[in-house]
Amino acid sequence: MPQYFDTIVSSAESGMKSAIRACQAWQYLIGKASNRQISRYEELRELMGYPTSNPLGGILGCIMFYCEQNGLPPLTIIVVNKEGVPGEGFTAEKLVNYHKRREDVFNFPWYKLVPPTMEELRQASL
């Protein structure tokens, strides 16, 4: 029987919800990165079915910290606001380096990596 993220999140303890959604976002973001595309917060919000973008901070934080802790390019740098840059919560890189680091993300072989588990993403954000 297939599992759905909405179902898993609805029964998860509060500390795991962002990590579960981070696992979902990881798949989406590595697809975007492999296609050399950015994503707007609004797109990600709609994909996950949230009425506002507020929950994305914790979700993207799990991924950002995981990348930092494991020496990976900052995958969440490709999620941008209406001005075309990451929001205030993105602290993995200075915006002056945005274009170079975005290229690092685009050029990284994401599909060769075994994706992080939900627990690894949760631990990274603690």
PDB file of N, CA and C in Angstrom:
ATOM      1  N   MET A   1       0.842  -1.174   0.000  1.00  0.00           N
ATOM      2  CA  MET A   1       0.000   0.000   0.000  1.00  0.00           C
ATOM      3  C   MET A   1       0.889   1.240   0.000  1.00  0.00           C
ATOM      4  N   PRO A   2       0.723   2.139  -0.932  1.00  0.00           N
ATOM      5  CA  PRO A   2       1.564   3.346  -0.954  1.00  0.00           C
ATOM      6  C   PRO A   2       1.276   4.235   0.255  1.00  0.00           C
ATOM      7  N   GLN A   3       2.313   4.931   0.664  1.00  0.00           N
ATOM      8  CA  GLN A   3       2.175   5.895   1.754  1.00  0.00           C
ATOM      9  C   GLN A   3       2.213   7.299   1.167  1.00  0.00           C
ATOM     10  N   TYR A   4       1.485   8.201   1.804  1.00  0.00           N
ATOM     11  CA  TYR A   4       1.437   9.585   1.370  1.00  0.00           C
ATOM     12  C   TYR A   4       1.992  10.476   2.475  1.00  0.00           C
ATOM     13  N   PHE A   5       2.687  11.526   2.058  1.00  0.00           N
ATOM     14  CA  PHE A   5       3.284  12.435   3.032  1.00  0.00           C
ATOM     15  C   PHE A   5       2.235  13.041   3.958  1.00  0.00           C
ATOM     16  N   ASP A   6       1.093  13.442   3.412  1.00  0.00           N
ATOM     17  CA  ASP A   6       0.046  14.036   4.248  1.00  0.00           C
ATOM     18  C   ASP A   6      -0.378  13.090   5.367  1.00  0.00           C
ATOM     19  N   THR A   7      -0.511  11.812   5.051  1.00  0.00           N
ATOM     20  CA  THR A   7      -0.924  10.821   6.040  1.00  0.00           C
ATOM     21  C   THR A   7       0.139  10.636   7.114  1.00  0.00           C
ATOM     22  N   ILE A   8       1.381  10.524   6.693  1.00  0.00           N
ATOM     23  CA  ILE A   8       2.469  10.333   7.657  1.00  0.00           C
ATOM     24  C   ILE A   8       2.591  11.557   8.564  1.00  0.00           C
ATOM     25  N   VAL A   9       2.514  12.750   7.999  1.00  0.00           N
ATOM     26  CA  VAL A   9       2.636  13.979   8.781  1.00  0.00           C
ATOM     27  C   VAL A   9       1.493  14.101   9.788  1.00  0.00           C
ATOM     28  N   SER A  10       0.289  13.736   9.378  1.00  0.00           N
ATOM     29  CA  SER A  10      -0.862  13.898  10.279  1.00  0.00           C
ATOM     30  C   SER A  10      -0.756  13.027  11.521  1.00  0.00           C
ATOM     31  N   SER A  11      -0.030  11.923  11.440  1.00  0.00           N
ATOM     32  CA  SER A  11       0.095  11.047  12.603  1.00  0.00           C
ATOM     33  C   SER A  11       1.457  11.162  13.289  1.00  0.00           C
ATOM     34  N   ALA A  12       2.322  12.039  12.811  1.00  0.00           N
ATOM     35  CA  ALA A  12       3.669  12.170  13.377  1.00  0.00           C
ATOM     36  C   ALA A  12       3.667  13.099  14.587  1.00  0.00           C
ATOM     37  N   GLU A  13       4.640  12.881  15.461  1.00  0.00           N
ATOM     38  CA  GLU A  13       4.829  13.810  16.576  1.00  0.00           C
ATOM     39  C   GLU A  13       5.374  15.116  16.018  1.00  0.00           C
ATOM     40  N   SER A  14       5.134  16.195  16.737  1.00  0.00           N
ATOM     41  CA  SER A  14       5.454  17.521  16.207  1.00  0.00           C
ATOM     42  C   SER A  14       6.921  17.672  15.811  1.00  0.00           C
ATOM     43  N   GLY A  15       7.847  17.057  16.503  1.00  0.00           N
ATOM     44  CA  GLY A  15       9.259  17.183  16.182  1.00  0.00           C
ATOM     45  C   GLY A  15       9.677  16.543  14.874  1.00  0.00           C
ATOM     46  N   MET A  16       8.830  15.684  14.331  1.00  0.00           N
ATOM     47  CA  MET A  16       9.171  14.982  13.091  1.00  0.00           C
ATOM     48  C   MET A  16       8.498  15.578  11.855  1.00  0.00           C
ATOM     49  N   LYS A  17       7.506  16.403  12.024  1.00  0.00           N
ATOM     50  CA  LYS A  17       6.719  16.873  10.880  1.00  0.00           C
ATOM     51  C   LYS A  17       7.563  17.615   9.847  1.00  0.00           C
ATOM     52  N   SER A  18       8.430  18.522  10.299  1.00  0.00           N
ATOM     53  CA  SER A  18       9.278  19.260   9.350  1.00  0.00           C
ATOM     54  C   SER A  18      10.245  18.326   8.642  1.00  0.00           C
ATOM     55  N   ALA A  19      10.770  17.344   9.358  1.00  0.00           N
ATOM     56  CA  ALA A  19      11.714  16.397   8.750  1.00  0.00           C
ATOM     57  C   ALA A  19      11.034  15.539   7.688  1.00  0.00           C
ATOM     58  N   ILE A  20       9.793  15.146   7.944  1.00  0.00           N
ATOM     59  CA  ILE A  20       9.042  14.357   6.960  1.00  0.00           C
ATOM     60  C   ILE A  20       8.809  15.196   5.709  1.00  0.00           C
ATOM     61  N   ARG A  21       8.384  16.429   5.907  1.00  0.00           N
ATOM     62  CA  ARG A  21       8.167  17.320   4.754  1.00  0.00           C
ATOM     63  C   ARG A  21       9.489  17.667   4.072  1.00  0.00           C
ATOM     64  N   ALA A  22      10.588  17.710   4.833  1.00  0.00           N
ATOM     65  CA  ALA A  22      11.905  17.966   4.238  1.00  0.00           C
ATOM     66  C   ALA A  22      12.288  16.829   3.297  1.00  0.00           C
ATOM     67  N   CYS A  23      11.927  15.619   3.659  1.00  0.00           N
ATOM     68  CA  CYS A  23      12.175  14.469   2.785  1.00  0.00           C
ATOM     69  C   CYS A  23      11.408  14.637   1.470  1.00  0.00           C
ATOM     70  N   GLN A  24      10.188  15.117   1.582  1.00  0.00           N
ATOM     71  CA  GLN A  24       9.370  15.389   0.396  1.00  0.00           C
ATOM     72  C   GLN A  24       9.997  16.510  -0.432  1.00  0.00           C
ATOM     73  N   ALA A  25      10.393  17.598   0.222  1.00  0.00           N
ATOM     74  CA  ALA A  25      10.980  18.735  -0.479  1.00  0.00           C
ATOM     75  C   ALA A  25      12.308  18.360  -1.132  1.00  0.00           C
ATOM     76  N   TRP A  26      13.089  17.498  -0.480  1.00  0.00           N
ATOM     77  CA  TRP A  26      14.385  17.059  -1.023  1.00  0.00           C
ATOM     78  C   TRP A  26      14.193  16.509  -2.431  1.00  0.00           C
ATOM     79  N   GLN A  27      13.215  15.636  -2.607  1.00  0.00           N
ATOM     80  CA  GLN A  27      12.970  15.033  -3.921  1.00  0.00           C
ATOM     81  C   GLN A  27      12.683  16.097  -4.973  1.00  0.00           C
ATOM     82  N   TYR A  28      11.836  17.021  -4.606  1.00  0.00           N
ATOM     83  CA  TYR A  28      11.455  18.101  -5.510  1.00  0.00           C
ATOM     84  C   TYR A  28      12.669  18.968  -5.854  1.00  0.00           C
ATOM     85  N   LEU A  29      13.439  19.331  -4.827  1.00  0.00           N
ATOM     86  CA  LEU A  29      14.561  20.248  -5.044  1.00  0.00           C
ATOM     87  C   LEU A  29      15.689  19.622  -5.848  1.00  0.00           C
ATOM     88  N   ILE A  30      15.978  18.348  -5.648  1.00  0.00           N
ATOM     89  CA  ILE A  30      17.060  17.765  -6.448  1.00  0.00           C
ATOM     90  C   ILE A  30      16.631  17.630  -7.910  1.00  0.00           C
ATOM     91  N   GLY A  31      15.331  17.435  -8.140  1.00  0.00           N
ATOM     92  CA  GLY A  31      14.830  17.435  -9.515  1.00  0.00           C
ATOM     93  C   GLY A  31      14.995  18.798 -10.157  1.00  0.00           C
ATOM     94  N   LYS A  32      14.642  19.830  -9.414  1.00  0.00           N
ATOM     95  CA  LYS A  32      14.806  21.204  -9.916  1.00  0.00           C
ATOM     96  C   LYS A  32      16.278  21.495 -10.176  1.00  0.00           C
ATOM     97  N   ALA A  33      17.129  21.150  -9.209  1.00  0.00           N
ATOM     98  CA  ALA A  33      18.567  21.419  -9.353  1.00  0.00           C
ATOM     99  C   ALA A  33      19.149  20.696 -10.565  1.00  0.00           C
ATOM    100  N   SER A  34      18.750  19.453 -10.758  1.00  0.00           N
ATOM    101  CA  SER A  34      19.263  18.675 -11.892  1.00  0.00           C
ATOM    102  C   SER A  34      18.833  19.264 -13.228  1.00  0.00           C
ATOM    103  N   ASN A  35      17.709  19.972 -13.216  1.00  0.00           N
ATOM    104  CA  ASN A  35      17.221  20.647 -14.427  1.00  0.00           C
ATOM    105  C   ASN A  35      17.632  22.114 -14.491  1.00  0.00           C
ATOM    106  N   ARG A  36      18.517  22.517 -13.554  1.00  0.00           N
ATOM    107  CA  ARG A  36      19.034  23.886 -13.500  1.00  0.00           C
ATOM    108  C   ARG A  36      17.896  24.906 -13.358  1.00  0.00           C
ATOM    109  N   GLN A  37      16.950  24.595 -12.479  1.00  0.00           N
ATOM    110  CA  GLN A  37      15.794  25.464 -12.256  1.00  0.00           C
ATOM    111  C   GLN A  37      15.750  25.925 -10.802  1.00  0.00           C
ATOM    112  N   ILE A  38      15.231  27.113 -10.609  1.00  0.00           N
ATOM    113  CA  ILE A  38      14.950  27.578  -9.257  1.00  0.00           C
ATOM    114  C   ILE A  38      13.487  27.272  -8.949  1.00  0.00           C
ATOM    115  N   SER A  39      13.119  27.442  -7.706  1.00  0.00           N
ATOM    116  CA  SER A  39      11.733  27.259  -7.282  1.00  0.00           C
ATOM    117  C   SER A  39      11.338  28.440  -6.420  1.00  0.00           C
ATOM    118  N   ARG A  40      10.165  28.913  -6.590  1.00  0.00           N
ATOM    119  CA  ARG A  40       9.644  29.981  -5.728  1.00  0.00           C
ATOM    120  C   ARG A  40       9.022  29.328  -4.486  1.00  0.00           C
ATOM    121  N   TYR A  41       9.070  30.063  -3.382  1.00  0.00           N
ATOM    122  CA  TYR A  41       8.440  29.571  -2.154  1.00  0.00           C
ATOM    123  C   TYR A  41       6.992  29.197  -2.431  1.00  0.00           C
ATOM    124  N   GLU A  42       6.332  29.992  -3.239  1.00  0.00           N
ATOM    125  CA  GLU A  42       4.923  29.774  -3.551  1.00  0.00           C
ATOM    126  C   GLU A  42       4.702  28.410  -4.208  1.00  0.00           C
ATOM    127  N   GLU A  43       5.592  28.013  -5.105  1.00  0.00           N
ATOM    128  CA  GLU A  43       5.474  26.709  -5.762  1.00  0.00           C
ATOM    129  C   GLU A  43       5.569  25.578  -4.741  1.00  0.00           C
ATOM    130  N   LEU A  44       6.550  25.684  -3.870  1.00  0.00           N
ATOM    131  CA  LEU A  44       6.762  24.654  -2.857  1.00  0.00           C
ATOM    132  C   LEU A  44       5.585  24.611  -1.882  1.00  0.00           C
ATOM    133  N   ARG A  45       5.086  25.762  -1.513  1.00  0.00           N
ATOM    134  CA  ARG A  45       3.929  25.851  -0.618  1.00  0.00           C
ATOM    135  C   ARG A  45       2.722  25.139  -1.236  1.00  0.00           C
ATOM    136  N   GLU A  46       2.470  25.399  -2.518  1.00  0.00           N
ATOM    137  CA  GLU A  46       1.347  24.770  -3.206  1.00  0.00           C
ATOM    138  C   GLU A  46       1.534  23.261  -3.317  1.00  0.00           C
ATOM    139  N   LEU A  47       2.737  22.829  -3.649  1.00  0.00           N
ATOM    140  CA  LEU A  47       3.035  21.404  -3.767  1.00  0.00           C
ATOM    141  C   LEU A  47       2.707  20.670  -2.472  1.00  0.00           C
ATOM    142  N   MET A  48       3.018  21.298  -1.356  1.00  0.00           N
ATOM    143  CA  MET A  48       2.808  20.666  -0.052  1.00  0.00           C
ATOM    144  C   MET A  48       1.421  20.931   0.521  1.00  0.00           C
ATOM    145  N   GLY A  49       0.646  21.779  -0.128  1.00  0.00           N
ATOM    146  CA  GLY A  49      -0.720  22.020   0.291  1.00  0.00           C
ATOM    147  C   GLY A  49      -0.871  22.922   1.497  1.00  0.00           C
ATOM    148  N   TYR A  50       0.076  23.817   1.721  1.00  0.00           N
ATOM    149  CA  TYR A  50      -0.026  24.748   2.842  1.00  0.00           C
ATOM    150  C   TYR A  50      -0.747  26.022   2.414  1.00  0.00           C
ATOM    151  N   PRO A  51      -1.546  26.610   3.310  1.00  0.00           N
ATOM    152  CA  PRO A  51      -2.230  27.862   2.966  1.00  0.00           C
ATOM    153  C   PRO A  51      -1.281  29.070   2.952  1.00  0.00           C
ATOM    154  N   THR A  52      -0.171  28.989   3.697  1.00  0.00           N
ATOM    155  CA  THR A  52       0.841  30.052   3.707  1.00  0.00           C
ATOM    156  C   THR A  52       2.213  29.417   3.591  1.00  0.00           C
ATOM    157  N   SER A  53       3.229  30.246   3.390  1.00  0.00           N
ATOM    158  CA  SER A  53       4.604  29.745   3.289  1.00  0.00           C
ATOM    159  C   SER A  53       5.285  29.596   4.652  1.00  0.00           C
ATOM    160  N   ASN A  54       4.612  29.947   5.725  1.00  0.00           N
ATOM    161  CA  ASN A  54       5.228  29.905   7.056  1.00  0.00           C
ATOM    162  C   ASN A  54       5.870  28.570   7.418  1.00  0.00           C
ATOM    163  N   PRO A  55       5.231  27.421   7.149  1.00  0.00           N
ATOM    164  CA  PRO A  55       5.853  26.149   7.536  1.00  0.00           C
ATOM    165  C   PRO A  55       7.138  25.821   6.776  1.00  0.00           C
ATOM    166  N   LEU A  56       7.387  26.508   5.668  1.00  0.00           N
ATOM    167  CA  LEU A  56       8.557  26.171   4.854  1.00  0.00           C
ATOM    168  C   LEU A  56       9.871  26.469   5.552  1.00  0.00           C
ATOM    169  N   GLY A  57       9.883  27.406   6.499  1.00  0.00           N
ATOM    170  CA  GLY A  57      11.121  27.740   7.200  1.00  0.00           C
ATOM    171  C   GLY A  57      11.740  26.538   7.881  1.00  0.00           C
ATOM    172  N   GLY A  58      10.956  25.821   8.655  1.00  0.00           N
ATOM    173  CA  GLY A  58      11.462  24.635   9.351  1.00  0.00           C
ATOM    174  C   GLY A  58      11.820  23.515   8.399  1.00  0.00           C
ATOM    175  N   ILE A  59      11.023  23.344   7.370  1.00  0.00           N
ATOM    176  CA  ILE A  59      11.246  22.290   6.374  1.00  0.00           C
ATOM    177  C   ILE A  59      12.557  22.535   5.632  1.00  0.00           C
ATOM    178  N   LEU A  60      12.716  23.748   5.118  1.00  0.00           N
ATOM    179  CA  LEU A  60      13.943  24.079   4.380  1.00  0.00           C
ATOM    180  C   LEU A  60      15.145  24.135   5.308  1.00  0.00           C
ATOM    181  N   GLY A  61      14.911  24.495   6.571  1.00  0.00           N
ATOM    182  CA  GLY A  61      15.991  24.501   7.550  1.00  0.00           C
ATOM    183  C   GLY A  61      16.593  23.115   7.732  1.00  0.00           C
ATOM    184  N   CYS A  62      15.753  22.091   7.780  1.00  0.00           N
ATOM    185  CA  CYS A  62      16.261  20.715   7.900  1.00  0.00           C
ATOM    186  C   CYS A  62      17.232  20.397   6.760  1.00  0.00           C
ATOM    187  N   ILE A  63      16.840  20.762   5.559  1.00  0.00           N
ATOM    188  CA  ILE A  63      17.678  20.487   4.382  1.00  0.00           C
ATOM    189  C   ILE A  63      18.933  21.350   4.401  1.00  0.00           C
ATOM    190  N   MET A  64      18.782  22.626   4.719  1.00  0.00           N
ATOM    191  CA  MET A  64      19.931  23.534   4.739  1.00  0.00           C
ATOM    192  C   MET A  64      20.986  23.049   5.731  1.00  0.00           C
ATOM    193  N   PHE A  65      20.564  22.708   6.940  1.00  0.00           N
ATOM    194  CA  PHE A  65      21.521  22.254   7.953  1.00  0.00           C
ATOM    195  C   PHE A  65      22.119  20.906   7.587  1.00  0.00           C
ATOM    196  N   TYR A  66      21.327  20.022   7.001  1.00  0.00           N
ATOM    197  CA  TYR A  66      21.857  18.727   6.560  1.00  0.00           C
ATOM    198  C   TYR A  66      22.971  18.938   5.535  1.00  0.00           C
ATOM    199  N   CYS A  67      22.725  19.810   4.565  1.00  0.00           N
ATOM    200  CA  CYS A  67      23.739  20.093   3.542  1.00  0.00           C
ATOM    201  C   CYS A  67      24.993  20.678   4.177  1.00  0.00           C
ATOM    202  N   GLU A  68      24.829  21.641   5.075  1.00  0.00           N
ATOM    203  CA  GLU A  68      25.983  22.249   5.754  1.00  0.00           C
ATOM    204  C   GLU A  68      26.786  21.206   6.512  1.00  0.00           C
ATOM    205  N   GLN A  69      26.113  20.363   7.265  1.00  0.00           N
ATOM    206  CA  GLN A  69      26.782  19.385   8.123  1.00  0.00           C
ATOM    207  C   GLN A  69      27.447  18.259   7.348  1.00  0.00           C
ATOM    208  N   ASN A  70      27.054  18.091   6.094  1.00  0.00           N
ATOM    209  CA  ASN A  70      27.601  16.990   5.298  1.00  0.00           C
ATOM    210  C   ASN A  70      28.436  17.455   4.115  1.00  0.00           C
ATOM    211  N   GLY A  71      28.818  18.723   4.108  1.00  0.00           N
ATOM    212  CA  GLY A  71      29.700  19.235   3.066  1.00  0.00           C
ATOM    213  C   GLY A  71      29.085  19.267   1.683  1.00  0.00           C
ATOM    214  N   LEU A  72      27.763  19.415   1.623  1.00  0.00           N
ATOM    215  CA  LEU A  72      27.075  19.469   0.333  1.00  0.00           C
ATOM    216  C   LEU A  72      26.788  20.924  -0.039  1.00  0.00           C
ATOM    217  N   PRO A  73      26.647  21.207  -1.322  1.00  0.00           N
ATOM    218  CA  PRO A  73      26.240  22.558  -1.715  1.00  0.00           C
ATOM    219  C   PRO A  73      24.888  22.891  -1.084  1.00  0.00           C
ATOM    220  N   PRO A  74      24.609  24.164  -0.861  1.00  0.00           N
ATOM    221  CA  PRO A  74      23.375  24.555  -0.166  1.00  0.00           C
ATOM    222  C   PRO A  74      22.134  24.413  -1.055  1.00  0.00           C
ATOM    223  N   LEU A  75      21.565  23.223  -1.080  1.00  0.00           N
ATOM    224  CA  LEU A  75      20.447  22.894  -1.964  1.00  0.00           C
ATOM    225  C   LEU A  75      19.301  23.899  -1.876  1.00  0.00           C
ATOM    226  N   THR A  76      19.028  24.401  -0.702  1.00  0.00           N
ATOM    227  CA  THR A  76      17.881  25.308  -0.541  1.00  0.00           C
ATOM    228  C   THR A  76      18.134  26.702  -1.108  1.00  0.00           C
ATOM    229  N   ILE A  77      19.319  26.956  -1.626  1.00  0.00           N
ATOM    230  CA  ILE A  77      19.598  28.262  -2.237  1.00  0.00           C
ATOM    231  C   ILE A  77      18.750  28.470  -3.492  1.00  0.00           C
ATOM    232  N   ILE A  78      18.225  27.391  -4.046  1.00  0.00           N
ATOM    233  CA  ILE A  78      17.426  27.524  -5.270  1.00  0.00           C
ATOM    234  C   ILE A  78      15.957  27.824  -4.985  1.00  0.00           C
ATOM    235  N   VAL A  79      15.586  27.921  -3.700  1.00  0.00           N
ATOM    236  CA  VAL A  79      14.222  28.329  -3.340  1.00  0.00           C
ATOM    237  C   VAL A  79      14.265  29.826  -3.079  1.00  0.00           C
ATOM    238  N   VAL A  80      13.535  30.570  -3.890  1.00  0.00           N
ATOM    239  CA  VAL A  80      13.653  32.025  -3.857  1.00  0.00           C
ATOM    240  C   VAL A  80      12.307  32.719  -3.665  1.00  0.00           C
ATOM    241  N   ASN A  81      12.398  33.977  -3.226  1.00  0.00           N
ATOM    242  CA  ASN A  81      11.204  34.809  -3.035  1.00  0.00           C
ATOM    243  C   ASN A  81      10.882  35.560  -4.333  1.00  0.00           C
ATOM    244  N   LYS A  82       9.964  36.487  -4.258  1.00  0.00           N
ATOM    245  CA  LYS A  82       9.543  37.245  -5.447  1.00  0.00           C
ATOM    246  C   LYS A  82      10.668  38.089  -6.033  1.00  0.00           C
ATOM    247  N   GLU A  83      11.659  38.436  -5.195  1.00  0.00           N
ATOM    248  CA  GLU A  83      12.808  39.216  -5.675  1.00  0.00           C
ATOM    249  C   GLU A  83      13.861  38.335  -6.335  1.00  0.00           C
ATOM    250  N   GLY A  84      13.677  37.007  -6.276  1.00  0.00           N
ATOM    251  CA  GLY A  84      14.598  36.086  -6.926  1.00  0.00           C
ATOM    252  C   GLY A  84      15.781  35.660  -6.086  1.00  0.00           C
ATOM    253  N   VAL A  85      15.707  35.868  -4.777  1.00  0.00           N
ATOM    254  CA  VAL A  85      16.783  35.449  -3.871  1.00  0.00           C
ATOM    255  C   VAL A  85      16.186  34.672  -2.699  1.00  0.00           C
ATOM    256  N   PRO A  86      17.007  33.866  -2.017  1.00  0.00           N
ATOM    257  CA  PRO A  86      16.498  33.154  -0.845  1.00  0.00           C
ATOM    258  C   PRO A  86      16.030  34.130   0.231  1.00  0.00           C
ATOM    259  N   GLY A  87      15.102  33.668   1.055  1.00  0.00           N
ATOM    260  CA  GLY A  87      14.569  34.496   2.129  1.00  0.00           C
ATOM    261  C   GLY A  87      15.531  34.655   3.285  1.00  0.00           C
ATOM    262  N   GLU A  88      15.103  35.411   4.289  1.00  0.00           N
ATOM    263  CA  GLU A  88      15.940  35.725   5.446  1.00  0.00           C
ATOM    264  C   GLU A  88      16.390  34.494   6.214  1.00  0.00           C
ATOM    265  N   GLY A  89      15.616  33.431   6.198  1.00  0.00           N
ATOM    266  CA  GLY A  89      15.973  32.216   6.931  1.00  0.00           C
ATOM    267  C   GLY A  89      17.136  31.461   6.333  1.00  0.00           C
ATOM    268  N   PHE A  90      17.492  31.784   5.094  1.00  0.00           N
ATOM    269  CA  PHE A  90      18.619  31.106   4.449  1.00  0.00           C
ATOM    270  C   PHE A  90      19.908  31.722   4.963  1.00  0.00           C
ATOM    271  N   THR A  91      20.645  30.963   5.753  1.00  0.00           N
ATOM    272  CA  THR A  91      21.875  31.468   6.366  1.00  0.00           C
ATOM    273  C   THR A  91      23.112  30.683   5.950  1.00  0.00           C
ATOM    274  N   ALA A  92      22.964  29.740   5.041  1.00  0.00           N
ATOM    275  CA  ALA A  92      24.074  28.874   4.665  1.00  0.00           C
ATOM    276  C   ALA A  92      25.141  29.586   3.835  1.00  0.00           C
ATOM    277  N   GLU A  93      24.802  30.708   3.256  1.00  0.00           N
ATOM    278  CA  GLU A  93      25.731  31.401   2.362  1.00  0.00           C
ATOM    279  C   GLU A  93      25.358  32.875   2.304  1.00  0.00           C
ATOM    280  N   LYS A  94      26.357  33.716   2.113  1.00  0.00           N
ATOM    281  CA  LYS A  94      26.097  35.143   1.924  1.00  0.00           C
ATOM    282  C   LYS A  94      25.538  35.358   0.525  1.00  0.00           C
ATOM    283  N   LEU A  95      24.596  36.273   0.418  1.00  0.00           N
ATOM    284  CA  LEU A  95      23.963  36.501  -0.881  1.00  0.00           C
ATOM    285  C   LEU A  95      24.936  37.019  -1.930  1.00  0.00           C
ATOM    286  N   VAL A  96      26.041  37.601  -1.512  1.00  0.00           N
ATOM    287  CA  VAL A  96      27.039  38.051  -2.479  1.00  0.00           C
ATOM    288  C   VAL A  96      27.590  36.864  -3.284  1.00  0.00           C
ATOM    289  N   ASN A  97      27.548  35.668  -2.698  1.00  0.00           N
ATOM    290  CA  ASN A  97      28.022  34.443  -3.364  1.00  0.00           C
ATOM    291  C   ASN A  97      26.885  33.665  -4.027  1.00  0.00           C
ATOM    292  N   TYR A  98      25.702  34.264  -4.094  1.00  0.00           N
ATOM    293  CA  TYR A  98      24.510  33.551  -4.548  1.00  0.00           C
ATOM    294  C   TYR A  98      24.693  32.870  -5.904  1.00  0.00           C
ATOM    295  N   HIS A  99      25.154  33.594  -6.905  1.00  0.00           N
ATOM    296  CA  HIS A  99      25.233  33.026  -8.257  1.00  0.00           C
ATOM    297  C   HIS A  99      26.227  31.872  -8.337  1.00  0.00           C
ATOM    298  N   LYS A 100      27.360  32.005  -7.692  1.00  0.00           N
ATOM    299  CA  LYS A 100      28.353  30.927  -7.698  1.00  0.00           C
ATOM    300  C   LYS A 100      27.820  29.693  -6.980  1.00  0.00           C
ATOM    301  N   ARG A 101      27.242  29.894  -5.806  1.00  0.00           N
ATOM    302  CA  ARG A 101      26.747  28.763  -5.018  1.00  0.00           C
ATOM    303  C   ARG A 101      25.536  28.111  -5.688  1.00  0.00           C
ATOM    304  N   ARG A 102      24.704  28.894  -6.347  1.00  0.00           N
ATOM    305  CA  ARG A 102      23.583  28.319  -7.094  1.00  0.00           C
ATOM    306  C   ARG A 102      24.131  27.408  -8.192  1.00  0.00           C
ATOM    307  N   GLU A 103      25.188  27.836  -8.873  1.00  0.00           N
ATOM    308  CA  GLU A 103      25.820  27.002  -9.900  1.00  0.00           C
ATOM    309  C   GLU A 103      26.395  25.730  -9.294  1.00  0.00           C
ATOM    310  N   ASP A 104      26.952  25.827  -8.091  1.00  0.00           N
ATOM    311  CA  ASP A 104      27.451  24.631  -7.397  1.00  0.00           C
ATOM    312  C   ASP A 104      26.316  23.632  -7.186  1.00  0.00           C
ATOM    313  N   VAL A 105      25.155  24.151  -6.796  1.00  0.00           N
ATOM    314  CA  VAL A 105      23.984  23.293  -6.590  1.00  0.00           C
ATOM    315  C   VAL A 105      23.545  22.682  -7.919  1.00  0.00           C
ATOM    316  N   PHE A 106      23.479  23.480  -8.961  1.00  0.00           N
ATOM    317  CA  PHE A 106      23.062  22.983 -10.272  1.00  0.00           C
ATOM    318  C   PHE A 106      24.020  21.913 -10.804  1.00  0.00           C
ATOM    319  N   ASN A 107      25.304  22.029 -10.522  1.00  0.00           N
ATOM    320  CA  ASN A 107      26.300  21.122 -11.075  1.00  0.00           C
ATOM    321  C   ASN A 107      26.576  19.898 -10.213  1.00  0.00           C
ATOM    322  N   PHE A 108      25.994  19.839  -9.029  1.00  0.00           N
ATOM    323  CA  PHE A 108      26.255  18.711  -8.130  1.00  0.00           C
ATOM    324  C   PHE A 108      25.461  17.476  -8.582  1.00  0.00           C
ATOM    325  N   PRO A 109      26.054  16.277  -8.495  1.00  0.00           N
ATOM    326  CA  PRO A 109      25.352  15.052  -8.926  1.00  0.00           C
ATOM    327  C   PRO A 109      24.388  14.528  -7.850  1.00  0.00           C
ATOM    328  N   TRP A 110      23.299  15.234  -7.619  1.00  0.00           N
ATOM    329  CA  TRP A 110      22.370  14.908  -6.534  1.00  0.00           C
ATOM    330  C   TRP A 110      21.822  13.496  -6.621  1.00  0.00           C
ATOM    331  N   TYR A 111      21.556  13.001  -7.819  1.00  0.00           N
ATOM    332  CA  TYR A 111      20.954  11.677  -7.949  1.00  0.00           C
ATOM    333  C   TYR A 111      21.927  10.542  -7.666  1.00  0.00           C
ATOM    334  N   LYS A 112      23.191  10.850  -7.503  1.00  0.00           N
ATOM    335  CA  LYS A 112      24.161   9.813  -7.122  1.00  0.00           C
ATOM    336  C   LYS A 112      24.180   9.594  -5.614  1.00  0.00           C
ATOM    337  N   LEU A 113      23.635  10.546  -4.867  1.00  0.00           N
ATOM    338  CA  LEU A 113      23.577  10.442  -3.405  1.00  0.00           C
ATOM    339  C   LEU A 113      22.408   9.586  -2.965  1.00  0.00           C
ATOM    340  N   VAL A 114      22.626   8.824  -1.919  1.00  0.00           N
ATOM    341  CA  VAL A 114      21.498   8.192  -1.246  1.00  0.00           C
ATOM    342  C   VAL A 114      20.810   9.320  -0.477  1.00  0.00           C
ATOM    343  N   PRO A 115      19.514   9.517  -0.658  1.00  0.00           N
ATOM    344  CA  PRO A 115      18.834  10.631   0.017  1.00  0.00           C
ATOM    345  C   PRO A 115      18.899  10.480   1.538  1.00  0.00           C
ATOM    346  N   PRO A 116      18.902  11.593   2.236  1.00  0.00           N
ATOM    347  CA  PRO A 116      18.884  11.505   3.699  1.00  0.00           C
ATOM    348  C   PRO A 116      17.553  10.932   4.182  1.00  0.00           C
ATOM    349  N   THR A 117      17.613  10.264   5.314  1.00  0.00           N
ATOM    350  CA  THR A 117      16.384   9.746   5.916  1.00  0.00           C
ATOM    351  C   THR A 117      15.674  10.878   6.651  1.00  0.00           C
ATOM    352  N   MET A 118      14.448  10.623   7.016  1.00  0.00           N
ATOM    353  CA  MET A 118      13.700  11.609   7.788  1.00  0.00           C
ATOM    354  C   MET A 118      14.403  11.867   9.120  1.00  0.00           C
ATOM    355  N   GLU A 119      14.937  10.831   9.722  1.00  0.00           N
ATOM    356  CA  GLU A 119      15.633  11.000  11.001  1.00  0.00           C
ATOM    357  C   GLU A 119      16.915  11.818  10.828  1.00  0.00           C
ATOM    358  N   GLU A 120      17.656  11.586   9.750  1.00  0.00           N
ATOM    359  CA  GLU A 120      18.872  12.382   9.501  1.00  0.00           C
ATOM    360  C   GLU A 120      18.521  13.862   9.307  1.00  0.00           C
ATOM    361  N   LEU A 121      17.448  14.131   8.603  1.00  0.00           N
ATOM    362  CA  LEU A 121      17.018  15.517   8.404  1.00  0.00           C
ATOM    363  C   LEU A 121      16.571  16.145   9.725  1.00  0.00           C
ATOM    364  N   ARG A 122      15.895  15.375  10.564  1.00  0.00           N
ATOM    365  CA  ARG A 122      15.474  15.886  11.873  1.00  0.00           C
ATOM    366  C   ARG A 122      16.681  16.193  12.739  1.00  0.00           C
ATOM    367  N   GLN A 123      17.638  15.272  12.782  1.00  0.00           N
ATOM    368  CA  GLN A 123      18.843  15.470  13.592  1.00  0.00           C
ATOM    369  C   GLN A 123      19.640  16.689  13.143  1.00  0.00           C
ATOM    370  N   ALA A 124      19.669  16.935  11.856  1.00  0.00           N
ATOM    371  CA  ALA A 124      20.441  18.058  11.321  1.00  0.00           C
ATOM    372  C   ALA A 124      19.891  19.385  11.810  1.00  0.00           C
ATOM    373  N   SER A 125      18.595  19.442  12.061  1.00  0.00           N
ATOM    374  CA  SER A 125      17.978  20.709  12.440  1.00  0.00           C
ATOM    375  C   SER A 125      17.964  20.945  13.951  1.00  0.00           C
ATOM    376  N   LEU A 126      18.453  19.995  14.715  1.00  0.00           N
ATOM    377  CA  LEU A 126      18.447  20.148  16.190  1.00  0.00           C
ATOM    378  C   LEU A 126      19.616  20.990  16.671  1.00  0.00           C
TER     379      LEU A 126
END
